[in-house]
N, C-alpha and C. Protein backbone atom coordinates (compact mmCIF):
# COMPACT_ATOMS: atom_id res chain seq x y z
N MET A 1 36.61 -34.02 63.23
CA MET A 1 36.74 -32.63 62.81
C MET A 1 37.48 -31.85 63.89
N ALA A 2 38.52 -31.15 63.45
CA ALA A 2 39.32 -30.36 64.39
C ALA A 2 38.64 -29.02 64.64
N LEU A 3 38.73 -28.52 65.85
CA LEU A 3 38.17 -27.22 66.22
C LEU A 3 39.33 -26.28 66.53
N THR A 4 39.40 -25.20 65.75
CA THR A 4 40.47 -24.23 65.94
C THR A 4 39.94 -23.07 66.77
N LYS A 5 40.69 -22.70 67.80
CA LYS A 5 40.29 -21.60 68.67
C LYS A 5 41.25 -20.44 68.47
N PHE A 6 40.68 -19.27 68.11
CA PHE A 6 41.49 -18.07 67.91
C PHE A 6 41.48 -17.22 69.18
N ASN A 7 42.62 -16.62 69.46
CA ASN A 7 42.67 -15.61 70.51
C ASN A 7 41.92 -14.37 70.03
N PHE A 8 41.12 -13.77 70.91
CA PHE A 8 40.30 -12.64 70.46
C PHE A 8 41.15 -11.48 69.96
N ASN A 9 42.40 -11.37 70.41
CA ASN A 9 43.28 -10.30 69.96
C ASN A 9 43.73 -10.48 68.52
N SER A 10 43.49 -11.65 67.93
CA SER A 10 43.94 -11.90 66.57
C SER A 10 42.94 -11.38 65.53
N PHE A 11 41.78 -10.93 65.98
CA PHE A 11 40.77 -10.44 65.05
C PHE A 11 40.91 -8.92 64.88
N ASP A 12 40.99 -8.50 63.64
CA ASP A 12 41.04 -7.07 63.33
C ASP A 12 39.63 -6.65 62.90
N LEU A 13 38.93 -5.90 63.76
CA LEU A 13 37.56 -5.51 63.48
C LEU A 13 37.46 -4.07 63.00
N THR A 14 38.58 -3.47 62.60
CA THR A 14 38.57 -2.10 62.12
C THR A 14 38.06 -2.08 60.68
N THR A 15 37.02 -1.28 60.43
CA THR A 15 36.45 -1.20 59.08
C THR A 15 36.70 0.17 58.48
N ALA A 16 36.67 0.21 57.18
CA ALA A 16 36.81 1.48 56.47
C ALA A 16 35.46 2.19 56.44
N ALA A 17 35.50 3.48 56.10
CA ALA A 17 34.26 4.25 56.04
C ALA A 17 33.29 3.62 55.05
N ASN A 18 32.01 3.55 55.44
CA ASN A 18 30.95 3.01 54.60
C ASN A 18 31.18 1.56 54.19
N LYS A 19 31.91 0.81 55.02
CA LYS A 19 32.18 -0.59 54.73
C LYS A 19 31.66 -1.45 55.88
N GLY A 20 31.39 -2.73 55.56
CA GLY A 20 30.99 -3.68 56.57
C GLY A 20 32.04 -4.75 56.73
N LEU A 21 31.71 -5.81 57.49
CA LEU A 21 32.62 -6.92 57.71
C LEU A 21 32.10 -8.16 57.00
N ALA A 22 33.03 -8.95 56.44
CA ALA A 22 32.67 -10.22 55.81
C ALA A 22 33.76 -11.24 56.16
N PHE A 23 33.40 -12.52 56.16
CA PHE A 23 34.37 -13.57 56.44
C PHE A 23 35.19 -13.88 55.18
N ASN A 24 36.46 -14.26 55.41
CA ASN A 24 37.28 -14.78 54.33
C ASN A 24 38.18 -15.89 54.90
N SER A 25 39.14 -16.34 54.11
CA SER A 25 39.97 -17.47 54.52
C SER A 25 41.31 -17.05 55.12
N SER A 26 41.44 -15.77 55.47
CA SER A 26 42.71 -15.30 56.03
C SER A 26 42.83 -15.74 57.49
N ALA A 27 43.97 -15.42 58.10
CA ALA A 27 44.24 -15.87 59.46
C ALA A 27 43.22 -15.33 60.46
N ASN A 28 42.85 -14.07 60.30
CA ASN A 28 41.87 -13.52 61.25
C ASN A 28 40.43 -13.71 60.78
N GLY A 29 40.23 -14.10 59.52
CA GLY A 29 38.91 -14.47 59.05
C GLY A 29 38.00 -13.36 58.62
N PHE A 30 38.48 -12.09 58.59
CA PHE A 30 37.60 -10.97 58.27
C PHE A 30 38.19 -10.11 57.16
N GLU A 31 37.31 -9.45 56.44
CA GLU A 31 37.70 -8.42 55.49
C GLU A 31 36.59 -7.38 55.42
N THR A 32 36.94 -6.18 54.93
CA THR A 32 35.89 -5.18 54.72
C THR A 32 35.11 -5.53 53.47
N SER A 33 33.84 -5.17 53.47
CA SER A 33 32.98 -5.46 52.33
C SER A 33 32.02 -4.31 52.10
N SER A 34 31.50 -4.24 50.90
CA SER A 34 30.53 -3.20 50.56
C SER A 34 29.20 -3.51 51.22
N PRO A 35 28.43 -2.49 51.59
CA PRO A 35 27.14 -2.72 52.20
C PRO A 35 26.16 -3.31 51.21
N GLY A 36 24.95 -3.64 51.69
CA GLY A 36 23.94 -4.24 50.85
C GLY A 36 23.40 -3.30 49.80
N SER A 37 22.38 -3.74 49.08
CA SER A 37 21.87 -2.99 47.95
C SER A 37 21.15 -1.71 48.37
N MET A 38 20.71 -1.62 49.63
CA MET A 38 19.99 -0.43 50.11
C MET A 38 20.79 0.21 51.24
N THR A 39 21.21 1.45 51.03
CA THR A 39 22.08 2.13 51.97
C THR A 39 21.40 3.37 52.54
N LEU A 40 21.35 3.47 53.85
CA LEU A 40 20.80 4.66 54.50
C LEU A 40 21.77 5.82 54.30
N ILE A 41 21.27 6.92 53.75
CA ILE A 41 22.09 8.10 53.49
C ILE A 41 21.89 9.17 54.54
N LYS A 42 20.63 9.46 54.87
CA LYS A 42 20.36 10.59 55.75
C LYS A 42 19.01 10.41 56.46
N THR A 43 18.97 10.76 57.74
CA THR A 43 17.74 10.78 58.52
C THR A 43 17.51 12.19 59.04
N ILE A 44 16.30 12.72 58.85
CA ILE A 44 15.95 14.04 59.38
C ILE A 44 14.69 13.91 60.22
N ASP A 45 14.78 14.38 61.46
CA ASP A 45 13.64 14.39 62.37
C ASP A 45 12.97 15.77 62.33
N ALA A 46 11.65 15.76 62.22
CA ALA A 46 10.90 17.02 62.19
C ALA A 46 10.58 17.49 63.60
N SER A 47 10.62 18.80 63.79
CA SER A 47 10.24 19.40 65.07
C SER A 47 9.69 20.79 64.78
N SER A 48 8.41 20.84 64.43
CA SER A 48 7.74 22.09 64.07
C SER A 48 8.48 22.81 62.94
N ASP A 49 8.85 22.04 61.91
CA ASP A 49 9.58 22.60 60.76
C ASP A 49 8.61 22.97 59.65
N SER A 50 8.85 24.09 58.98
CA SER A 50 8.02 24.48 57.84
C SER A 50 8.22 23.52 56.68
N ASN A 51 9.42 22.96 56.54
CA ASN A 51 9.69 21.98 55.49
C ASN A 51 10.94 21.19 55.85
N ILE A 52 11.16 20.12 55.11
CA ILE A 52 12.37 19.30 55.24
C ILE A 52 12.99 19.18 53.86
N GLN A 53 14.29 19.46 53.78
CA GLN A 53 14.97 19.48 52.49
C GLN A 53 16.13 18.48 52.47
N PHE A 54 16.25 17.80 51.33
CA PHE A 54 17.39 16.93 51.05
C PHE A 54 18.06 17.49 49.80
N ILE A 55 19.25 18.06 49.95
CA ILE A 55 19.97 18.69 48.85
C ILE A 55 21.32 18.01 48.69
N HIS A 56 21.61 17.58 47.49
CA HIS A 56 22.88 16.89 47.24
C HIS A 56 24.06 17.77 47.65
N GLY A 57 25.00 17.16 48.39
CA GLY A 57 26.20 17.87 48.81
C GLY A 57 26.03 18.69 50.07
N SER A 58 24.81 18.74 50.61
CA SER A 58 24.56 19.51 51.82
C SER A 58 24.23 18.57 52.98
N SER A 59 24.91 18.74 54.10
CA SER A 59 24.65 17.95 55.32
C SER A 59 24.72 16.46 55.05
N SER A 60 25.73 16.04 54.30
CA SER A 60 26.02 14.63 54.02
C SER A 60 24.99 13.96 53.11
N VAL A 61 24.18 14.73 52.43
CA VAL A 61 23.18 14.16 51.51
C VAL A 61 23.85 13.79 50.19
N VAL A 62 23.56 12.58 49.72
CA VAL A 62 23.96 12.12 48.39
C VAL A 62 22.70 11.97 47.56
N PHE A 63 22.64 12.66 46.42
CA PHE A 63 21.47 12.57 45.54
C PHE A 63 21.93 12.90 44.12
N ASP A 64 22.73 11.97 43.57
CA ASP A 64 23.29 12.17 42.24
C ASP A 64 23.38 10.83 41.54
N SER A 65 24.37 10.62 40.69
CA SER A 65 24.50 9.38 39.93
C SER A 65 25.09 8.23 40.75
N THR A 66 25.37 8.46 42.03
CA THR A 66 25.91 7.38 42.87
C THR A 66 24.98 6.18 42.89
N TYR A 67 23.67 6.43 42.95
CA TYR A 67 22.67 5.36 42.94
C TYR A 67 21.67 5.62 41.81
N PRO A 68 21.19 4.57 41.16
CA PRO A 68 20.18 4.76 40.11
C PRO A 68 18.78 5.00 40.66
N VAL A 69 18.55 4.60 41.91
CA VAL A 69 17.24 4.75 42.54
C VAL A 69 17.44 5.31 43.95
N TYR A 70 16.61 6.28 44.31
CA TYR A 70 16.61 6.82 45.67
C TYR A 70 15.23 6.62 46.28
N LEU A 71 15.22 6.29 47.56
CA LEU A 71 13.98 6.02 48.28
C LEU A 71 13.89 6.89 49.52
N PHE A 72 12.80 7.66 49.61
CA PHE A 72 12.48 8.41 50.81
C PHE A 72 11.38 7.67 51.56
N LYS A 73 11.56 7.49 52.86
CA LYS A 73 10.55 6.86 53.69
C LYS A 73 10.07 7.86 54.74
N PHE A 74 8.74 7.92 54.90
CA PHE A 74 8.12 8.86 55.83
C PHE A 74 7.57 8.08 57.02
N TYR A 75 7.92 8.54 58.22
CA TYR A 75 7.52 7.85 59.44
C TYR A 75 6.70 8.80 60.32
N ASN A 76 5.41 8.52 60.44
CA ASN A 76 4.52 9.22 61.37
C ASN A 76 4.68 10.75 61.30
N LEU A 77 4.56 11.29 60.10
CA LEU A 77 4.60 12.74 59.95
C LEU A 77 3.26 13.32 60.41
N HIS A 78 3.33 14.24 61.33
CA HIS A 78 2.15 14.77 62.02
C HIS A 78 2.06 16.27 61.74
N PRO A 79 0.99 16.72 61.07
CA PRO A 79 0.89 18.15 60.76
C PRO A 79 0.52 18.98 61.99
N GLY A 80 1.00 20.19 62.03
CA GLY A 80 0.63 21.07 63.12
C GLY A 80 -0.77 21.63 62.96
N THR A 81 -1.29 21.62 61.72
CA THR A 81 -2.62 22.16 61.41
C THR A 81 -3.48 21.05 60.82
N ASP A 82 -4.75 21.03 61.17
CA ASP A 82 -5.65 19.99 60.69
C ASP A 82 -5.92 20.12 59.18
N ASP A 83 -6.17 18.97 58.54
CA ASP A 83 -6.56 18.92 57.12
C ASP A 83 -5.50 19.53 56.21
N ARG A 84 -4.27 19.04 56.36
CA ARG A 84 -3.18 19.53 55.53
C ARG A 84 -2.67 18.40 54.63
N VAL A 85 -2.44 18.72 53.35
CA VAL A 85 -1.97 17.75 52.36
C VAL A 85 -0.45 17.77 52.30
N PHE A 86 0.16 16.57 52.32
CA PHE A 86 1.61 16.47 52.26
C PHE A 86 2.07 16.63 50.82
N GLU A 87 3.16 17.38 50.62
CA GLU A 87 3.63 17.75 49.29
C GLU A 87 5.13 17.52 49.14
N ALA A 88 5.57 17.52 47.89
CA ALA A 88 6.99 17.48 47.56
C ALA A 88 7.26 18.44 46.41
N ALA A 89 8.52 18.81 46.26
CA ALA A 89 8.95 19.62 45.13
C ALA A 89 10.40 19.27 44.81
N PHE A 90 10.77 19.37 43.53
CA PHE A 90 12.12 19.04 43.08
C PHE A 90 12.89 20.30 42.73
N ARG A 91 14.20 20.22 42.96
CA ARG A 91 15.10 21.31 42.57
C ARG A 91 15.94 20.84 41.39
N ASP A 92 15.98 21.62 40.32
CA ASP A 92 16.75 21.24 39.13
C ASP A 92 17.86 22.24 38.85
N GLY A 93 18.63 22.52 39.89
CA GLY A 93 19.69 23.51 39.80
C GLY A 93 19.22 24.83 40.39
N GLY A 94 20.16 25.71 40.69
CA GLY A 94 19.78 26.96 41.33
C GLY A 94 19.40 26.72 42.77
N SER A 95 18.58 27.61 43.32
CA SER A 95 18.22 27.51 44.74
C SER A 95 16.73 27.30 44.96
N SER A 96 15.93 27.25 43.90
CA SER A 96 14.48 27.14 44.03
C SER A 96 14.00 25.72 43.72
N PHE A 97 12.97 25.29 44.45
CA PHE A 97 12.36 23.98 44.21
C PHE A 97 11.18 24.20 43.24
N ASP A 98 11.53 24.41 41.97
CA ASP A 98 10.52 24.83 41.00
C ASP A 98 10.57 24.02 39.71
N ALA A 99 11.04 22.77 39.80
CA ALA A 99 11.08 21.93 38.60
C ALA A 99 9.66 21.65 38.10
N SER A 100 9.50 21.55 36.80
CA SER A 100 8.21 21.24 36.20
C SER A 100 7.87 19.77 36.44
N VAL A 101 6.61 19.51 36.87
CA VAL A 101 6.19 18.16 37.26
C VAL A 101 4.81 17.87 36.69
N ILE A 102 4.57 16.60 36.34
CA ILE A 102 3.25 16.12 35.96
C ILE A 102 2.96 14.85 36.75
N THR A 103 1.74 14.72 37.31
CA THR A 103 1.40 13.56 38.15
C THR A 103 0.00 13.05 37.83
N ASN A 104 -0.29 11.83 38.30
CA ASN A 104 -1.67 11.35 38.39
C ASN A 104 -1.86 10.69 39.74
N THR A 105 -3.14 10.56 40.16
CA THR A 105 -3.45 10.21 41.55
C THR A 105 -4.56 9.16 41.63
N PHE A 106 -4.27 8.07 42.33
CA PHE A 106 -5.28 7.06 42.67
C PHE A 106 -5.38 6.97 44.19
N TYR A 107 -6.55 6.57 44.68
CA TYR A 107 -6.71 6.51 46.12
C TYR A 107 -7.72 5.43 46.52
N ALA A 108 -7.62 5.00 47.76
CA ALA A 108 -8.62 4.14 48.39
C ALA A 108 -8.88 4.70 49.77
N GLN A 109 -10.15 4.69 50.20
CA GLN A 109 -10.44 5.23 51.51
C GLN A 109 -11.59 4.46 52.16
N HIS A 110 -11.62 4.50 53.50
CA HIS A 110 -12.63 3.79 54.27
C HIS A 110 -12.84 4.55 55.57
N ALA A 111 -14.07 4.88 55.89
CA ALA A 111 -14.37 5.64 57.10
C ALA A 111 -14.25 4.76 58.34
N GLU A 112 -13.77 5.34 59.44
CA GLU A 112 -13.71 4.61 60.71
C GLU A 112 -15.09 4.11 61.14
N SER A 113 -16.12 4.84 60.79
CA SER A 113 -17.48 4.45 61.16
C SER A 113 -18.08 3.42 60.22
N ASP A 114 -17.33 3.09 59.15
CA ASP A 114 -17.79 2.16 58.12
C ASP A 114 -18.94 2.73 57.30
N SER A 115 -19.17 4.01 57.38
CA SER A 115 -20.20 4.67 56.59
C SER A 115 -19.72 6.07 56.20
N PRO A 116 -19.53 6.37 54.91
CA PRO A 116 -19.84 5.49 53.79
C PRO A 116 -18.85 4.33 53.69
N SER A 117 -19.20 3.37 52.83
CA SER A 117 -18.34 2.21 52.65
C SER A 117 -17.09 2.60 51.87
N ALA A 118 -16.18 1.66 51.73
CA ALA A 118 -14.89 1.93 51.11
C ALA A 118 -15.04 2.42 49.67
N THR A 119 -14.10 3.27 49.27
CA THR A 119 -14.09 3.85 47.93
C THR A 119 -12.73 3.65 47.29
N LEU A 120 -12.72 3.36 46.00
CA LEU A 120 -11.48 3.21 45.24
C LEU A 120 -11.65 3.98 43.95
N GLY A 121 -10.67 4.81 43.60
CA GLY A 121 -10.85 5.54 42.37
C GLY A 121 -9.68 6.42 41.98
N TYR A 122 -9.87 7.09 40.86
CA TYR A 122 -8.93 8.07 40.33
C TYR A 122 -9.45 9.45 40.68
N ILE A 123 -8.58 10.32 41.15
CA ILE A 123 -9.03 11.64 41.59
C ILE A 123 -8.29 12.71 40.79
N ALA A 124 -8.98 13.19 39.76
CA ALA A 124 -8.37 14.16 38.85
C ALA A 124 -8.03 15.47 39.56
N GLY A 125 -8.79 15.79 40.61
CA GLY A 125 -8.56 17.05 41.31
C GLY A 125 -7.22 17.14 42.01
N ARG A 126 -6.57 15.99 42.22
CA ARG A 126 -5.26 16.00 42.85
C ARG A 126 -4.12 15.83 41.84
N ASP A 127 -4.46 15.67 40.57
CA ASP A 127 -3.41 15.63 39.55
C ASP A 127 -2.74 17.00 39.44
N PHE A 128 -1.53 16.99 38.92
CA PHE A 128 -0.77 18.24 38.91
C PHE A 128 0.01 18.36 37.61
N VAL A 129 -0.04 19.54 37.02
CA VAL A 129 0.83 19.91 35.90
C VAL A 129 1.29 21.33 36.17
N GLY A 130 2.59 21.49 36.37
CA GLY A 130 3.08 22.82 36.67
C GLY A 130 4.45 22.76 37.32
N THR A 131 4.81 23.82 38.00
CA THR A 131 6.10 23.90 38.68
C THR A 131 5.89 24.03 40.18
N GLY A 132 6.87 23.57 40.93
CA GLY A 132 6.79 23.72 42.38
C GLY A 132 6.20 22.52 43.08
N ASP A 133 5.43 22.76 44.14
CA ASP A 133 4.95 21.71 45.03
C ASP A 133 3.79 20.92 44.42
N PHE A 134 3.85 19.60 44.56
CA PHE A 134 2.78 18.72 44.09
C PHE A 134 2.37 17.79 45.23
N ASN A 135 1.12 17.33 45.18
CA ASN A 135 0.57 16.50 46.25
C ASN A 135 1.17 15.10 46.25
N LEU A 136 1.47 14.58 47.46
CA LEU A 136 1.84 13.18 47.63
C LEU A 136 0.70 12.39 48.27
N PHE A 137 -0.40 13.05 48.62
CA PHE A 137 -1.57 12.39 49.18
C PHE A 137 -2.82 12.98 48.52
N SER A 138 -3.91 12.22 48.58
CA SER A 138 -5.14 12.64 47.91
C SER A 138 -6.04 13.48 48.79
N SER A 139 -5.76 13.58 50.08
CA SER A 139 -6.58 14.39 50.98
C SER A 139 -5.73 14.82 52.17
N GLY A 140 -6.31 15.69 53.00
CA GLY A 140 -5.58 16.25 54.11
C GLY A 140 -5.46 15.31 55.29
N CYS A 141 -4.30 15.31 55.92
CA CYS A 141 -4.06 14.51 57.13
C CYS A 141 -4.61 15.26 58.34
N GLY A 142 -5.13 14.51 59.31
CA GLY A 142 -5.60 15.12 60.54
C GLY A 142 -4.46 15.44 61.48
N ASN A 143 -4.73 16.33 62.44
CA ASN A 143 -3.69 16.70 63.41
C ASN A 143 -4.05 16.32 64.83
N ALA A 144 -5.05 15.42 65.01
CA ALA A 144 -5.33 14.91 66.36
C ALA A 144 -4.09 14.18 66.88
N ASN A 145 -4.01 14.00 68.18
CA ASN A 145 -2.81 13.45 68.79
C ASN A 145 -2.40 12.09 68.20
N ASP A 146 -3.38 11.29 67.75
CA ASP A 146 -3.06 9.94 67.24
C ASP A 146 -3.04 9.88 65.72
N GLU A 147 -3.05 11.02 65.04
CA GLU A 147 -3.13 11.03 63.57
C GLU A 147 -1.78 11.40 62.95
N SER A 148 -1.45 10.71 61.86
CA SER A 148 -0.19 10.96 61.16
C SER A 148 -0.28 10.30 59.79
N LEU A 149 0.79 10.40 59.03
CA LEU A 149 0.90 9.71 57.75
C LEU A 149 2.23 8.99 57.66
N VAL A 150 2.25 7.91 56.89
CA VAL A 150 3.48 7.16 56.58
C VAL A 150 3.49 6.90 55.09
N GLY A 151 4.66 6.61 54.54
CA GLY A 151 4.71 6.33 53.11
C GLY A 151 6.12 6.31 52.58
N GLU A 152 6.22 6.33 51.25
CA GLU A 152 7.52 6.27 50.60
C GLU A 152 7.45 6.91 49.22
N LEU A 153 8.59 7.40 48.77
CA LEU A 153 8.73 8.02 47.46
C LEU A 153 9.99 7.48 46.80
N TYR A 154 9.83 6.85 45.63
CA TYR A 154 10.97 6.39 44.83
C TYR A 154 11.24 7.42 43.73
N VAL A 155 12.51 7.81 43.58
CA VAL A 155 12.93 8.69 42.50
C VAL A 155 13.99 7.96 41.69
N PHE A 156 13.78 7.89 40.37
CA PHE A 156 14.64 7.09 39.50
C PHE A 156 15.57 7.99 38.69
N ASN A 157 16.86 7.67 38.74
CA ASN A 157 17.89 8.37 37.96
C ASN A 157 17.75 9.89 38.00
N PRO A 158 17.81 10.48 39.18
CA PRO A 158 17.60 11.94 39.27
C PRO A 158 18.68 12.76 38.57
N SER A 159 19.85 12.18 38.34
CA SER A 159 20.94 12.95 37.73
C SER A 159 20.97 12.83 36.21
N SER A 160 20.02 12.13 35.62
CA SER A 160 20.00 11.98 34.17
C SER A 160 19.84 13.35 33.48
N THR A 161 20.62 13.57 32.45
CA THR A 161 20.46 14.78 31.64
C THR A 161 19.93 14.42 30.25
N THR A 162 19.38 13.20 30.14
CA THR A 162 18.79 12.75 28.88
C THR A 162 17.28 12.59 29.00
N PHE A 163 16.85 11.93 30.09
CA PHE A 163 15.44 11.59 30.25
C PHE A 163 14.77 12.41 31.35
N VAL A 164 13.43 12.44 31.31
CA VAL A 164 12.68 13.00 32.43
C VAL A 164 12.92 12.13 33.66
N LYS A 165 12.69 12.67 34.85
CA LYS A 165 12.96 11.96 36.10
C LYS A 165 11.65 11.43 36.68
N GLN A 166 11.46 10.11 36.60
CA GLN A 166 10.20 9.50 37.01
C GLN A 166 10.22 9.17 38.50
N PHE A 167 9.02 9.16 39.10
CA PHE A 167 8.90 8.85 40.52
C PHE A 167 7.58 8.16 40.80
N ILE A 168 7.55 7.41 41.90
CA ILE A 168 6.36 6.71 42.37
C ILE A 168 6.26 6.93 43.87
N SER A 169 5.07 7.31 44.35
CA SER A 169 4.85 7.53 45.77
C SER A 169 3.63 6.73 46.22
N ARG A 170 3.73 6.18 47.42
CA ARG A 170 2.61 5.48 48.03
C ARG A 170 2.59 5.75 49.52
N GLY A 171 1.40 6.02 50.06
CA GLY A 171 1.33 6.30 51.49
C GLY A 171 -0.06 6.08 52.04
N ILE A 172 -0.14 6.15 53.34
CA ILE A 172 -1.42 5.98 54.03
C ILE A 172 -1.48 6.98 55.18
N SER A 173 -2.68 7.53 55.42
CA SER A 173 -2.81 8.56 56.45
C SER A 173 -4.15 8.46 57.16
N ASN A 174 -4.21 9.12 58.32
CA ASN A 174 -5.47 9.34 59.02
C ASN A 174 -6.07 10.64 58.48
N ASN A 175 -7.09 10.51 57.66
CA ASN A 175 -7.75 11.68 57.10
C ASN A 175 -8.39 12.54 58.19
N HIS A 176 -8.51 13.82 57.93
CA HIS A 176 -9.07 14.75 58.92
C HIS A 176 -10.54 14.44 59.24
N ASN A 177 -11.21 13.68 58.37
CA ASN A 177 -12.60 13.28 58.61
C ASN A 177 -12.72 11.86 59.15
N ALA A 178 -11.65 11.37 59.77
CA ALA A 178 -11.63 10.02 60.36
C ALA A 178 -11.79 8.94 59.30
N TYR A 179 -11.07 9.08 58.21
CA TYR A 179 -10.97 8.06 57.18
C TYR A 179 -9.55 7.49 57.19
N VAL A 180 -9.41 6.23 56.83
CA VAL A 180 -8.10 5.71 56.46
C VAL A 180 -7.99 5.90 54.95
N VAL A 181 -6.94 6.58 54.52
CA VAL A 181 -6.79 6.93 53.10
C VAL A 181 -5.43 6.45 52.60
N GLU A 182 -5.46 5.64 51.56
CA GLU A 182 -4.23 5.24 50.87
C GLU A 182 -4.16 5.98 49.55
N ALA A 183 -3.00 6.55 49.24
CA ALA A 183 -2.82 7.29 47.99
C ALA A 183 -1.63 6.75 47.22
N GLN A 184 -1.77 6.69 45.90
CA GLN A 184 -0.68 6.30 45.02
C GLN A 184 -0.53 7.38 43.96
N ILE A 185 0.62 8.03 43.98
CA ILE A 185 0.92 9.13 43.07
C ILE A 185 2.09 8.71 42.18
N ALA A 186 1.97 8.95 40.89
CA ALA A 186 3.08 8.66 39.98
C ALA A 186 3.23 9.84 39.02
N GLY A 187 4.45 10.04 38.53
CA GLY A 187 4.66 11.13 37.60
C GLY A 187 6.12 11.26 37.24
N TYR A 188 6.44 12.43 36.72
CA TYR A 188 7.85 12.68 36.41
C TYR A 188 8.14 14.18 36.46
N ALA A 189 9.39 14.48 36.78
CA ALA A 189 9.88 15.85 36.65
C ALA A 189 10.18 16.06 35.18
N ASN A 190 9.46 16.97 34.57
CA ASN A 190 9.49 17.12 33.11
C ASN A 190 10.64 18.02 32.69
N THR A 191 11.84 17.51 32.91
CA THR A 191 13.05 18.26 32.57
C THR A 191 14.19 17.29 32.27
N ALA A 192 15.05 17.69 31.36
CA ALA A 192 16.26 16.91 31.07
C ALA A 192 17.43 17.36 31.92
N THR A 193 17.20 18.32 32.79
CA THR A 193 18.22 18.79 33.73
C THR A 193 18.24 17.89 34.96
N ALA A 194 19.40 17.66 35.51
CA ALA A 194 19.51 16.82 36.71
C ALA A 194 18.73 17.42 37.87
N ILE A 195 18.09 16.54 38.64
CA ILE A 195 17.42 16.94 39.88
C ILE A 195 18.41 16.74 41.03
N ASP A 196 18.65 17.77 41.82
CA ASP A 196 19.66 17.68 42.87
C ASP A 196 19.10 17.90 44.27
N GLY A 197 17.78 18.02 44.41
CA GLY A 197 17.21 18.23 45.72
C GLY A 197 15.72 17.98 45.75
N VAL A 198 15.21 17.63 46.93
CA VAL A 198 13.78 17.39 47.14
C VAL A 198 13.36 18.10 48.43
N ARG A 199 12.21 18.77 48.38
CA ARG A 199 11.66 19.44 49.55
C ARG A 199 10.30 18.82 49.90
N PHE A 200 10.08 18.59 51.20
CA PHE A 200 8.81 18.04 51.68
C PHE A 200 8.17 19.05 52.64
N GLN A 201 6.84 19.17 52.55
CA GLN A 201 6.13 20.06 53.46
C GLN A 201 4.63 19.76 53.38
N PHE A 202 3.87 20.29 54.34
CA PHE A 202 2.42 20.30 54.21
C PHE A 202 2.03 21.58 53.46
N ASP A 203 0.84 21.56 52.85
CA ASP A 203 0.44 22.71 52.03
C ASP A 203 0.20 23.96 52.86
N SER A 204 0.15 23.82 54.18
CA SER A 204 0.09 24.96 55.08
C SER A 204 0.50 24.48 56.47
N GLY A 205 1.09 25.34 57.26
CA GLY A 205 1.51 24.97 58.60
C GLY A 205 2.79 24.16 58.62
N ASN A 206 3.14 23.69 59.81
CA ASN A 206 4.41 23.01 60.02
C ASN A 206 4.28 21.49 60.02
N ILE A 207 5.42 20.83 59.84
CA ILE A 207 5.53 19.40 60.14
C ILE A 207 5.85 19.33 61.62
N ASP A 208 4.86 19.02 62.42
CA ASP A 208 4.99 19.09 63.87
C ASP A 208 6.02 18.08 64.38
N THR A 209 5.83 16.81 64.02
CA THR A 209 6.77 15.75 64.39
C THR A 209 6.83 14.74 63.26
N GLY A 210 7.76 13.80 63.37
CA GLY A 210 7.91 12.75 62.38
C GLY A 210 9.35 12.64 61.90
N GLN A 211 9.56 11.77 60.93
CA GLN A 211 10.91 11.49 60.47
C GLN A 211 10.88 11.11 59.00
N ILE A 212 11.91 11.55 58.26
CA ILE A 212 12.09 11.16 56.86
C ILE A 212 13.49 10.60 56.72
N LYS A 213 13.59 9.44 56.07
CA LYS A 213 14.87 8.80 55.80
C LYS A 213 15.09 8.72 54.30
N LEU A 214 16.33 8.95 53.87
CA LEU A 214 16.74 8.82 52.47
C LEU A 214 17.67 7.64 52.32
N TYR A 215 17.33 6.75 51.36
CA TYR A 215 18.15 5.59 51.05
C TYR A 215 18.60 5.63 49.60
N GLY A 216 19.78 5.10 49.31
CA GLY A 216 20.23 4.85 47.95
C GLY A 216 20.13 3.36 47.66
N ILE A 217 19.66 3.01 46.47
CA ILE A 217 19.49 1.61 46.09
C ILE A 217 20.35 1.30 44.88
N LYS A 218 21.23 0.31 45.02
CA LYS A 218 22.11 -0.10 43.92
C LYS A 218 21.34 -0.94 42.92
N ASP A 219 21.84 -1.01 41.69
CA ASP A 219 21.16 -1.79 40.66
C ASP A 219 21.71 -3.20 40.54
N SER A 220 22.67 -3.57 41.39
CA SER A 220 23.21 -4.94 41.34
C SER A 220 23.81 -5.28 42.71
């Protein structure tokens, strides 16, 4: 087997915007290629912010028909005030995050002291029917130095003008009463108008620290 050695100057490593590198059979062996099925669109770091907003067309945010599925990931969001519930709201045009939403809520929890024992159930008190902010967790997160929440929110076909916009959220947090709490929220924005923005906040106080990332997911 012959071994061919290329001079390093023969490789063209210049890529186009939003493109990666892939091997081919050309002389230099490289070509630009499309990224994988999950593409990072935007990262926002919290620093005592009242809320965090992702609006299509603003600050490099893409949230339209480019991707059929969008994924928000939450990293160690820490409330400035104790016992605060993390929320989201959708914008369906205009400047207000007041889209009509319906949700249901399941949760599992377990006390650090192991008393009471673990609980699993449906919590009607956290369900939502209305406009504006809706809960993404079943209880309030603590604000002790080591307490935070993590999770994710999937939004499907937000730009559809035919169907309601469905979403699924799952997360885990340090409850203000020293519980580990997992919450699963599902629902839909009850509108045939395109959703072009999402706002995240606690039900009171600031997002002291943490990070939210937005990804677009291709369907093939």
